[in-house]
Amino acid sequence: MRSFGYSPRRHNKRRVTA
């Protein structure tokens, strides 16, 4: 889940935890 590069709760608009 946390493998993007930033906090998933920071950008919860497009597709962070998709």
PDB file of N, CA and C in Angstrom:
ATOM      1  N   MET A   1       0.835  -1.203   0.000  1.00  0.00           N
ATOM      2  CA  MET A   1       0.000   0.000   0.000  1.00  0.00           C
ATOM      3  C   MET A   1       0.873   1.258   0.000  1.00  0.00           C
ATOM      4  N   ARG A   2       1.891   1.244   0.852  1.00  0.00           N
ATOM      5  CA  ARG A   2       2.748   2.441   0.912  1.00  0.00           C
ATOM      6  C   ARG A   2       3.970   2.240   0.032  1.00  0.00           C
ATOM      7  N   SER A   3       3.755   2.191  -1.238  1.00  0.00           N
ATOM      8  CA  SER A   3       4.885   2.025  -2.153  1.00  0.00           C
ATOM      9  C   SER A   3       4.763   3.009  -3.308  1.00  0.00           C
ATOM     10  N   PHE A   4       4.536   4.249  -2.971  1.00  0.00           N
ATOM     11  CA  PHE A   4       4.387   5.249  -4.030  1.00  0.00           C
ATOM     12  C   PHE A   4       5.572   6.206  -4.009  1.00  0.00           C
ATOM     13  N   GLY A   5       5.846   6.814  -2.850  1.00  0.00           N
ATOM     14  CA  GLY A   5       6.945   7.769  -2.770  1.00  0.00           C
ATOM     15  C   GLY A   5       6.570   8.869  -1.792  1.00  0.00           C
ATOM     16  N   TYR A   6       5.325   8.860  -1.362  1.00  0.00           N
ATOM     17  CA  TYR A   6       4.860   9.856  -0.398  1.00  0.00           C
ATOM     18  C   TYR A   6       3.777   9.235   0.460  1.00  0.00           C
ATOM     19  N   SER A   7       3.284   9.993   1.410  1.00  0.00           N
ATOM     20  CA  SER A   7       2.246   9.460   2.293  1.00  0.00           C
ATOM     21  C   SER A   7       0.932   9.292   1.535  1.00  0.00           C
ATOM     22  N   PRO A   8       0.298   8.136   1.675  1.00  0.00           N
ATOM     23  CA  PRO A   8      -0.969   7.864   1.003  1.00  0.00           C
ATOM     24  C   PRO A   8      -2.087   8.740   1.547  1.00  0.00           C
ATOM     25  N   ARG A   9      -1.927   9.251   2.772  1.00  0.00           N
ATOM     26  CA  ARG A   9      -2.973  10.103   3.340  1.00  0.00           C
ATOM     27  C   ARG A   9      -2.746  11.565   2.985  1.00  0.00           C
ATOM     28  N   ARG A  10      -1.726  11.802   2.179  1.00  0.00           N
ATOM     29  CA  ARG A  10      -1.436  13.188   1.817  1.00  0.00           C
ATOM     30  C   ARG A  10      -2.222  13.577   0.570  1.00  0.00           C
ATOM     31  N   HIS A  11      -2.129  12.731  -0.446  1.00  0.00           N
ATOM     32  CA  HIS A  11      -2.862  12.995  -1.678  1.00  0.00           C
ATOM     33  C   HIS A  11      -3.993  11.995  -1.814  1.00  0.00           C
ATOM     34  N   ASN A  12      -5.047  12.243  -1.122  1.00  0.00           N
ATOM     35  CA  ASN A  12      -6.177  11.316  -1.188  1.00  0.00           C
ATOM     36  C   ASN A  12      -7.213  11.831  -2.189  1.00  0.00           C
ATOM     37  N   LYS A  13      -6.772  12.160  -3.372  1.00  0.00           N
ATOM     38  CA  LYS A  13      -7.700  12.697  -4.367  1.00  0.00           C
ATOM     39  C   LYS A  13      -7.713  11.822  -5.618  1.00  0.00           C
ATOM     40  N   ARG A  14      -6.559  11.615  -6.231  1.00  0.00           N
ATOM     41  CA  ARG A  14      -6.532  10.841  -7.467  1.00  0.00           C
ATOM     42  C   ARG A  14      -6.529   9.349  -7.174  1.00  0.00           C
ATOM     43  N   ARG A  15      -5.413   8.680  -7.228  1.00  0.00           N
ATOM     44  CA  ARG A  15      -5.387   7.254  -6.902  1.00  0.00           C
ATOM     45  C   ARG A  15      -4.146   6.954  -6.084  1.00  0.00           C
ATOM     46  N   VAL A  16      -4.298   7.062  -4.785  1.00  0.00           N
ATOM     47  CA  VAL A  16      -3.183   6.803  -3.883  1.00  0.00           C
ATOM     48  C   VAL A  16      -3.222   5.371  -3.401  1.00  0.00           C
ATOM     49  N   THR A  17      -4.347   4.979  -2.840  1.00  0.00           N
ATOM     50  CA  THR A  17      -4.488   3.609  -2.332  1.00  0.00           C
ATOM     51  C   THR A  17      -5.400   2.817  -3.260  1.00  0.00           C
ATOM     52  N   ALA A  18      -5.198   3.002  -4.565  1.00  0.00           N
ATOM     53  CA  ALA A  18      -6.062   2.303  -5.502  1.00  0.00           C
ATOM     54  C   ALA A  18      -5.412   0.992  -5.933  1.00  0.00           C
TER      55      ALA A  18
END
